[in-house]
Amino acid sequence: MVNPVSHATSAPLNNPVLTGAKYCLMVVLGVAVITASAKTTVPFWPVPMTLQTMAIMAIAVATGPRIAVATMLAYLAAGAAGLPVFAGTPERGIGIAYMMGPTGGYLAGYLIAAGFVGALARGRGAFGRFVVMMAGMVPVYLLGLAGLSGFVASEKVVALGFTPFILGDTIKIALVALGGAAITRLTKRKPSNRADAA
């Protein structure tokens, strides 16, 4: 027998306006999360760290490549327009001037990493996600160090732009991988629990 409510219940799900609004809301929330993470400083050794890497990787894993890239593009566009969304803004500059500064290469690298991780990390276990996210940091550091090389002596680039941050980034990525695996495990248990209760 045909379910009489099937058409009524499926129509809102296929509504392009609602779908577009949902994706826009996800992007806006993602930008807010990345902004907050960039402004949050956690004491760490050898230097304090922000939570930006964690936020970007978590969004990429959770939403996939399209939303992750759209979120990063919106974040970069907000920064280019002069909104103080980046770490150290407005104290260390703002807008295009900030993006052309020493940390601009890292921002470009995060855009690539968001698409890469979003495309390859979903559906993998904790270790697989960890490996993909670490691979996603390669363009972040390559572009970041390339951009930084225009502002510091070449022999100091790695010491200033890589060595102080790689341990913190590795820990943050491990936390995202473990957290994602825990959430996946919990969501898989819920239907079985409901079935048992029924």
C-alpha atoms as a PDB file:
ATOM      1  CA  MET A   1       0.000   0.000   0.000  1.00  0.00           C
ATOM      2  CA  VAL A   2       1.284   3.467  -0.823  1.00  0.00           C
ATOM      3  CA  ASN A   3       2.036   5.624   2.169  1.00  0.00           C
ATOM      4  CA  PRO A   4      -0.316   8.637   1.855  1.00  0.00           C
ATOM      5  CA  VAL A   5       2.122  10.966   3.629  1.00  0.00           C
ATOM      6  CA  SER A   6       5.177  10.010   1.588  1.00  0.00           C
ATOM      7  CA  HIS A   7       4.752  12.845  -0.926  1.00  0.00           C
ATOM      8  CA  ALA A   8       4.033  15.402   1.751  1.00  0.00           C
ATOM      9  CA  THR A   9       7.014  14.412   3.834  1.00  0.00           C
ATOM     10  CA  SER A  10       9.474  14.180   0.953  1.00  0.00           C
ATOM     11  CA  ALA A  11       8.525  17.495  -0.682  1.00  0.00           C
ATOM     12  CA  PRO A  12      10.205  19.734   1.928  1.00  0.00           C
ATOM     13  CA  LEU A  13      13.336  17.594   1.757  1.00  0.00           C
ATOM     14  CA  ASN A  14      13.596  18.174  -1.996  1.00  0.00           C
ATOM     15  CA  ASN A  15      12.755  21.867  -1.824  1.00  0.00           C
ATOM     16  CA  PRO A  16      15.720  23.701  -3.398  1.00  0.00           C
ATOM     17  CA  VAL A  17      15.022  26.855  -1.412  1.00  0.00           C
ATOM     18  CA  LEU A  18      15.147  25.004   1.899  1.00  0.00           C
ATOM     19  CA  THR A  19      18.203  23.051   0.779  1.00  0.00           C
ATOM     20  CA  GLY A  20      19.986  26.244  -0.265  1.00  0.00           C
ATOM     21  CA  ALA A  21      19.043  27.932   3.000  1.00  0.00           C
ATOM     22  CA  LYS A  22      20.376  24.958   4.963  1.00  0.00           C
ATOM     23  CA  TYR A  23      23.704  25.038   3.120  1.00  0.00           C
ATOM     24  CA  CYS A  24      24.002  28.810   3.555  1.00  0.00           C
ATOM     25  CA  LEU A  25      23.348  28.432   7.274  1.00  0.00           C
ATOM     26  CA  MET A  26      26.009  25.718   7.481  1.00  0.00           C
ATOM     27  CA  VAL A  27      28.516  27.987   5.744  1.00  0.00           C
ATOM     28  CA  VAL A  28      27.706  30.957   7.996  1.00  0.00           C
ATOM     29  CA  LEU A  29      28.005  28.806  11.111  1.00  0.00           C
ATOM     30  CA  GLY A  30      31.249  27.361   9.780  1.00  0.00           C
ATOM     31  CA  VAL A  31      32.700  30.835   9.264  1.00  0.00           C
ATOM     32  CA  ALA A  32      31.690  31.750  12.802  1.00  0.00           C
ATOM     33  CA  VAL A  33      33.361  28.611  14.183  1.00  0.00           C
ATOM     34  CA  ILE A  34      36.591  29.222  12.243  1.00  0.00           C
ATOM     35  CA  THR A  35      36.626  32.863  13.345  1.00  0.00           C
ATOM     36  CA  ALA A  36      36.143  31.910  16.991  1.00  0.00           C
ATOM     37  CA  SER A  37      38.827  29.233  16.714  1.00  0.00           C
ATOM     38  CA  ALA A  38      41.285  31.698  15.170  1.00  0.00           C
ATOM     39  CA  LYS A  39      40.704  34.076  18.083  1.00  0.00           C
ATOM     40  CA  THR A  40      41.086  31.351  20.735  1.00  0.00           C
ATOM     41  CA  THR A  41      44.623  30.936  22.043  1.00  0.00           C
ATOM     42  CA  VAL A  42      45.604  27.890  24.076  1.00  0.00           C
ATOM     43  CA  PRO A  43      48.837  27.802  26.097  1.00  0.00           C
ATOM     44  CA  PHE A  44      51.184  25.261  24.557  1.00  0.00           C
ATOM     45  CA  TRP A  45      54.846  24.475  24.015  1.00  0.00           C
ATOM     46  CA  PRO A  46      56.901  25.854  22.342  1.00  0.00           C
ATOM     47  CA  VAL A  47      54.385  28.583  21.388  1.00  0.00           C
ATOM     48  CA  PRO A  48      50.709  29.215  22.195  1.00  0.00           C
ATOM     49  CA  MET A  49      48.372  27.800  19.561  1.00  0.00           C
ATOM     50  CA  THR A  50      44.998  28.702  18.126  1.00  0.00           C
ATOM     51  CA  LEU A  51      42.279  26.151  17.377  1.00  0.00           C
ATOM     52  CA  GLN A  52      41.940  27.111  13.707  1.00  0.00           C
ATOM     53  CA  THR A  53      43.424  23.906  12.323  1.00  0.00           C
ATOM     54  CA  MET A  54      41.072  21.842  14.482  1.00  0.00           C
ATOM     55  CA  ALA A  55      38.011  23.794  13.336  1.00  0.00           C
ATOM     56  CA  ILE A  56      38.823  23.656   9.627  1.00  0.00           C
ATOM     57  CA  MET A  57      39.605  19.941   9.703  1.00  0.00           C
ATOM     58  CA  ALA A  58      36.494  19.141  11.735  1.00  0.00           C
ATOM     59  CA  ILE A  59      34.293  21.059   9.292  1.00  0.00           C
ATOM     60  CA  ALA A  60      35.895  19.302   6.327  1.00  0.00           C
ATOM     61  CA  VAL A  61      35.409  15.853   7.860  1.00  0.00           C
ATOM     62  CA  ALA A  62      31.835  16.558   8.960  1.00  0.00           C
ATOM     63  CA  THR A  63      30.479  18.303   5.867  1.00  0.00           C
ATOM     64  CA  GLY A  64      32.439  17.077   2.861  1.00  0.00           C
ATOM     65  CA  PRO A  65      34.366  19.010   0.204  1.00  0.00           C
ATOM     66  CA  ARG A  66      31.664  21.339  -1.161  1.00  0.00           C
ATOM     67  CA  ILE A  67      30.553  22.831   2.146  1.00  0.00           C
ATOM     68  CA  ALA A  68      34.121  22.869   3.494  1.00  0.00           C
ATOM     69  CA  VAL A  69      35.464  24.772   0.474  1.00  0.00           C
ATOM     70  CA  ALA A  70      32.445  27.103   0.436  1.00  0.00           C
ATOM     71  CA  THR A  71      33.004  27.824   4.126  1.00  0.00           C
ATOM     72  CA  MET A  72      36.680  28.601   3.619  1.00  0.00           C
ATOM     73  CA  LEU A  73      35.909  30.816   0.606  1.00  0.00           C
ATOM     74  CA  ALA A  74      33.316  32.708   2.647  1.00  0.00           C
ATOM     75  CA  TYR A  75      35.800  33.035   5.512  1.00  0.00           C
ATOM     76  CA  LEU A  76      38.497  34.396   3.208  1.00  0.00           C
ATOM     77  CA  ALA A  77      36.003  36.729   1.525  1.00  0.00           C
ATOM     78  CA  ALA A  78      34.919  38.081   4.910  1.00  0.00           C
ATOM     79  CA  GLY A  79      38.554  38.692   5.808  1.00  0.00           C
ATOM     80  CA  ALA A  80      39.298  40.327   2.463  1.00  0.00           C
ATOM     81  CA  ALA A  81      36.302  42.632   2.967  1.00  0.00           C
ATOM     82  CA  GLY A  82      37.889  43.893   6.158  1.00  0.00           C
ATOM     83  CA  LEU A  83      36.060  41.930   8.817  1.00  0.00           C
ATOM     84  CA  PRO A  84      38.387  40.966  11.706  1.00  0.00           C
ATOM     85  CA  VAL A  85      37.991  37.206  11.266  1.00  0.00           C
ATOM     86  CA  PHE A  86      41.658  36.209  11.132  1.00  0.00           C
ATOM     87  CA  ALA A  87      43.998  35.497  14.032  1.00  0.00           C
ATOM     88  CA  GLY A  88      45.632  38.712  15.194  1.00  0.00           C
ATOM     89  CA  THR A  89      43.174  41.030  13.462  1.00  0.00           C
ATOM     90  CA  PRO A  90      42.767  43.923  13.667  1.00  0.00           C
ATOM     91  CA  GLU A  91      45.947  44.345  15.725  1.00  0.00           C
ATOM     92  CA  ARG A  92      48.254  42.967  12.995  1.00  0.00           C
ATOM     93  CA  GLY A  93      46.412  44.422  10.046  1.00  0.00           C
ATOM     94  CA  ILE A  94      43.176  43.712   8.277  1.00  0.00           C
ATOM     95  CA  GLY A  95      41.715  42.887   4.882  1.00  0.00           C
ATOM     96  CA  ILE A  96      43.840  42.276   1.808  1.00  0.00           C
ATOM     97  CA  ALA A  97      46.893  43.779   3.502  1.00  0.00           C
ATOM     98  CA  TYR A  98      46.746  41.070   6.170  1.00  0.00           C
ATOM     99  CA  MET A  99      46.194  38.338   3.599  1.00  0.00           C
ATOM    100  CA  MET A 100      49.283  39.472   1.696  1.00  0.00           C
ATOM    101  CA  GLY A 101      51.332  39.347   4.881  1.00  0.00           C
ATOM    102  CA  PRO A 102      53.420  36.575   6.459  1.00  0.00           C
ATOM    103  CA  THR A 103      50.454  34.290   7.215  1.00  0.00           C
ATOM    104  CA  GLY A 104      48.659  34.669   3.880  1.00  0.00           C
ATOM    105  CA  GLY A 105      50.125  31.476   2.459  1.00  0.00           C
ATOM    106  CA  TYR A 106      48.716  29.429   5.322  1.00  0.00           C
ATOM    107  CA  LEU A 107      45.224  30.765   4.607  1.00  0.00           C
ATOM    108  CA  ALA A 108      45.505  29.699   0.966  1.00  0.00           C
ATOM    109  CA  GLY A 109      46.770  26.300   2.077  1.00  0.00           C
ATOM    110  CA  TYR A 110      43.770  25.828   4.352  1.00  0.00           C
ATOM    111  CA  LEU A 111      41.462  26.348   1.384  1.00  0.00           C
ATOM    112  CA  ILE A 112      43.146  23.483  -0.473  1.00  0.00           C
ATOM    113  CA  ALA A 113      43.232  21.347   2.665  1.00  0.00           C
ATOM    114  CA  ALA A 114      39.498  21.815   3.240  1.00  0.00           C
ATOM    115  CA  GLY A 115      38.639  20.380  -0.163  1.00  0.00           C
ATOM    116  CA  PHE A 116      41.219  17.609   0.053  1.00  0.00           C
ATOM    117  CA  VAL A 117      40.221  16.445   3.520  1.00  0.00           C
ATOM    118  CA  GLY A 118      36.518  16.837   2.846  1.00  0.00           C
ATOM    119  CA  ALA A 119      36.783  14.612  -0.212  1.00  0.00           C
ATOM    120  CA  LEU A 120      38.945  11.865   1.270  1.00  0.00           C
ATOM    121  CA  ALA A 121      38.322  11.695   5.028  1.00  0.00           C
ATOM    122  CA  ARG A 122      34.627  10.874   5.229  1.00  0.00           C
ATOM    123  CA  GLY A 123      33.770   7.237   5.725  1.00  0.00           C
ATOM    124  CA  ARG A 124      37.204   6.360   7.086  1.00  0.00           C
ATOM    125  CA  GLY A 125      38.095   5.241  10.574  1.00  0.00           C
ATOM    126  CA  ALA A 126      40.004   7.341  13.079  1.00  0.00           C
ATOM    127  CA  PHE A 127      43.442   6.366  11.778  1.00  0.00           C
ATOM    128  CA  GLY A 128      42.441   6.871   8.139  1.00  0.00           C
ATOM    129  CA  ARG A 129      41.063  10.318   8.920  1.00  0.00           C
ATOM    130  CA  PHE A 130      44.201  11.175  10.852  1.00  0.00           C
ATOM    131  CA  VAL A 131      46.387  10.244   7.871  1.00  0.00           C
ATOM    132  CA  VAL A 132      44.231  12.220   5.428  1.00  0.00           C
ATOM    133  CA  MET A 133      44.205  15.302   7.659  1.00  0.00           C
ATOM    134  CA  MET A 134      47.970  15.157   8.139  1.00  0.00           C
ATOM    135  CA  ALA A 135      48.328  14.914   4.361  1.00  0.00           C
ATOM    136  CA  GLY A 136      46.005  17.902   4.116  1.00  0.00           C
ATOM    137  CA  MET A 137      48.468  19.917   6.172  1.00  0.00           C
ATOM    138  CA  VAL A 138      51.118  19.510   3.461  1.00  0.00           C
ATOM    139  CA  PRO A 139      49.726  22.292   1.223  1.00  0.00           C
ATOM    140  CA  VAL A 140      49.105  24.420   4.319  1.00  0.00           C
ATOM    141  CA  TYR A 141      52.759  24.289   5.307  1.00  0.00           C
ATOM    142  CA  LEU A 142      54.138  24.423   1.765  1.00  0.00           C
ATOM    143  CA  LEU A 143      52.173  27.547   0.856  1.00  0.00           C
ATOM    144  CA  GLY A 144      52.606  28.986   4.326  1.00  0.00           C
ATOM    145  CA  LEU A 145      56.376  28.630   4.287  1.00  0.00           C
ATOM    146  CA  ALA A 146      56.548  29.947   0.733  1.00  0.00           C
ATOM    147  CA  GLY A 147      54.641  33.060   1.770  1.00  0.00           C
ATOM    148  CA  LEU A 148      56.652  33.482   4.944  1.00  0.00           C
ATOM    149  CA  SER A 149      59.901  33.308   2.978  1.00  0.00           C
ATOM    150  CA  GLY A 150      59.134  36.742   1.572  1.00  0.00           C
ATOM    151  CA  PHE A 151      59.320  38.242   5.052  1.00  0.00           C
ATOM    152  CA  VAL A 152      62.082  36.355   6.876  1.00  0.00           C
ATOM    153  CA  ALA A 153      65.504  35.024   5.972  1.00  0.00           C
ATOM    154  CA  SER A 154      65.371  31.690   4.178  1.00  0.00           C
ATOM    155  CA  GLU A 155      67.381  29.873   6.840  1.00  0.00           C
ATOM    156  CA  LYS A 156      64.801  30.875   9.466  1.00  0.00           C
ATOM    157  CA  VAL A 157      61.625  29.947   7.558  1.00  0.00           C
ATOM    158  CA  VAL A 158      61.270  26.396   8.849  1.00  0.00           C
ATOM    159  CA  ALA A 159      62.269  27.354  12.386  1.00  0.00           C
ATOM    160  CA  LEU A 160      59.651  30.107  12.498  1.00  0.00           C
ATOM    161  CA  GLY A 161      56.857  28.708  10.345  1.00  0.00           C
ATOM    162  CA  PHE A 162      56.920  24.943  10.824  1.00  0.00           C
ATOM    163  CA  THR A 163      58.824  23.650  13.842  1.00  0.00           C
ATOM    164  CA  PRO A 164      56.865  25.553  16.527  1.00  0.00           C
ATOM    165  CA  PHE A 165      53.475  24.466  15.155  1.00  0.00           C
ATOM    166  CA  ILE A 166      53.682  20.902  13.855  1.00  0.00           C
ATOM    167  CA  LEU A 167      53.318  19.235  17.278  1.00  0.00           C
ATOM    168  CA  GLY A 168      50.245  21.278  18.144  1.00  0.00           C
ATOM    169  CA  ASP A 169      48.682  20.668  14.736  1.00  0.00           C
ATOM    170  CA  THR A 170      49.303  16.937  15.056  1.00  0.00           C
ATOM    171  CA  ILE A 171      47.587  16.828  18.451  1.00  0.00           C
ATOM    172  CA  LYS A 172      44.628  18.866  17.194  1.00  0.00           C
ATOM    173  CA  ILE A 173      44.222  16.602  14.175  1.00  0.00           C
ATOM    174  CA  ALA A 174      44.394  13.510  16.383  1.00  0.00           C
ATOM    175  CA  LEU A 175      41.632  14.952  18.563  1.00  0.00           C
ATOM    176  CA  VAL A 176      39.453  15.602  15.517  1.00  0.00           C
ATOM    177  CA  ALA A 177      40.015  12.043  14.263  1.00  0.00           C
ATOM    178  CA  LEU A 178      39.194  10.505  17.635  1.00  0.00           C
ATOM    179  CA  GLY A 179      36.225  12.794  18.186  1.00  0.00           C
ATOM    180  CA  GLY A 180      34.824  12.014  14.751  1.00  0.00           C
ATOM    181  CA  ALA A 181      35.183   8.288  15.351  1.00  0.00           C
ATOM    182  CA  ALA A 182      33.409   8.582  18.709  1.00  0.00           C
ATOM    183  CA  ILE A 183      30.519  10.525  17.180  1.00  0.00           C
ATOM    184  CA  THR A 184      30.210   7.988  14.360  1.00  0.00           C
ATOM    185  CA  ARG A 185      30.130   5.152  16.875  1.00  0.00           C
ATOM    186  CA  LEU A 186      27.416   6.871  18.911  1.00  0.00           C
ATOM    187  CA  THR A 187      25.223   7.607  15.891  1.00  0.00           C
ATOM    188  CA  LYS A 188      25.475   4.000  14.739  1.00  0.00           C
ATOM    189  CA  ARG A 189      24.337   2.752  18.134  1.00  0.00           C
ATOM    190  CA  LYS A 190      21.164   4.856  18.270  1.00  0.00           C
ATOM    191  CA  PRO A 191      19.092   2.972  15.664  1.00  0.00           C
ATOM    192  CA  SER A 192      19.976  -0.388  17.214  1.00  0.00           C
ATOM    193  CA  ASN A 193      19.020   0.894  20.657  1.00  0.00           C
ATOM    194  CA  ARG A 194      15.670   2.034  19.325  1.00  0.00           C
ATOM    195  CA  ALA A 195      15.141  -1.316  17.661  1.00  0.00           C
ATOM    196  CA  ASP A 196      15.916  -3.108  20.901  1.00  0.00           C
ATOM    197  CA  ALA A 197      13.501  -0.876  22.779  1.00  0.00           C
ATOM    198  CA  ALA A 198      10.761  -1.601  20.244  1.00  0.00           C
END
